[in-house]
């Protein structure tokens, strides 16, 4: 699954266009490499996101195409 779609489906970032912009600005890394919006993620990958006021490091647990709001937090586990 594309990183921009994953971030939107997992509710880490609310809109896919915002996730795309963050990738283009170099604020998202997958497995310690700068990610483009089309970078594929799979279970086991580590994602690092630099927000304006902080950062998040998470591990991908699952990549379902559709997910309910209640189940979105189960798509990743926070590392730091």
Protein backbone atom coordinates (compact mmCIF):
# COMPACT_ATOMS: atom_id res chain seq x y z
CA UNK A 1 0.00 0.00 0.00
CA UNK A 2 1.21 3.52 -0.76
CA UNK A 3 2.52 5.46 2.25
CA UNK A 4 0.19 8.42 1.69
CA UNK A 5 -2.87 6.14 1.59
CA UNK A 6 -1.63 4.17 4.61
CA UNK A 7 -1.22 7.31 6.72
CA UNK A 8 -4.76 8.38 5.82
CA UNK A 9 -6.33 4.94 6.43
CA UNK A 10 -4.56 4.55 9.77
CA UNK A 11 -5.72 8.06 10.78
CA UNK A 12 -2.15 9.14 11.62
CA UNK A 13 -2.69 12.02 9.16
CA UNK A 14 -6.27 13.07 8.47
CA UNK A 15 -6.11 13.77 4.74
CA UNK A 16 -4.24 12.02 1.95
CA UNK A 17 -3.22 15.31 0.35
CA UNK A 18 -1.60 16.40 3.64
CA UNK A 19 0.24 13.06 3.80
CA UNK A 20 1.37 13.54 0.18
CA UNK A 21 2.67 17.04 0.95
CA UNK A 22 4.54 15.79 4.04
CA UNK A 23 6.25 13.13 1.88
CA UNK A 24 7.23 15.67 -0.75
CA UNK A 25 8.76 17.90 1.96
CA UNK A 26 10.90 15.01 3.22
CA UNK A 27 9.22 14.78 6.64
CA UNK A 28 8.32 11.07 6.35
CA UNK A 29 10.82 8.21 6.34
CA UNK A 30 10.24 4.50 5.80
CA UNK A 31 12.98 2.21 7.11
CA UNK A 32 15.32 5.21 7.52
CA UNK A 33 14.92 6.34 3.90
CA UNK A 34 13.05 9.48 2.81
CA UNK A 35 9.69 8.37 1.43
CA UNK A 36 7.94 9.60 -1.70
CA UNK A 37 4.10 9.53 -1.71
CA UNK A 38 4.14 6.32 -3.78
CA UNK A 39 6.54 4.41 -1.52
CA UNK A 40 5.07 1.00 -0.72
CA UNK A 41 4.77 -0.09 2.91
CA UNK A 42 4.19 -3.59 4.24
CA UNK A 43 3.82 -5.10 7.71
CA UNK A 44 7.07 -4.83 9.65
CA UNK A 45 8.21 -1.55 8.09
CA UNK A 46 9.11 1.34 10.39
CA UNK A 47 7.72 4.80 9.69
CA UNK A 48 9.17 8.03 11.08
CA UNK A 49 7.07 11.19 10.81
CA UNK A 50 8.33 14.68 11.66
CA UNK A 51 5.44 16.91 12.70
CA UNK A 52 5.74 20.64 13.31
CA UNK A 53 5.97 20.24 17.09
CA UNK A 54 7.22 16.67 17.48
CA UNK A 55 7.77 13.33 15.85
CA UNK A 56 6.34 9.81 15.74
CA UNK A 57 8.04 6.48 15.07
CA UNK A 58 5.69 3.57 14.41
CA UNK A 59 5.81 0.01 13.06
CA UNK A 60 3.32 -1.09 10.40
CA UNK A 61 1.20 -3.98 11.70
CA UNK A 62 -1.30 -4.39 8.85
CA UNK A 63 -2.26 -2.74 5.56
CA UNK A 64 -5.96 -3.36 4.84
CA UNK A 65 -7.47 -1.43 1.90
CA UNK A 66 -10.47 -0.36 3.96
CA UNK A 67 -10.69 0.04 7.72
CA UNK A 68 -13.27 1.28 10.20
CA UNK A 69 -12.44 4.24 12.41
CA UNK A 70 -12.46 2.04 15.53
CA UNK A 71 -9.91 -0.37 14.03
CA UNK A 72 -7.53 2.24 12.59
CA UNK A 73 -5.26 2.36 15.66
CA UNK A 74 -4.58 -1.37 15.25
CA UNK A 75 -2.84 -0.78 11.91
CA UNK A 76 0.35 0.41 13.66
CA UNK A 77 2.20 0.29 16.97
CA UNK A 78 4.05 3.29 18.34
CA UNK A 79 7.75 2.66 18.98
CA UNK A 80 8.78 6.08 20.34
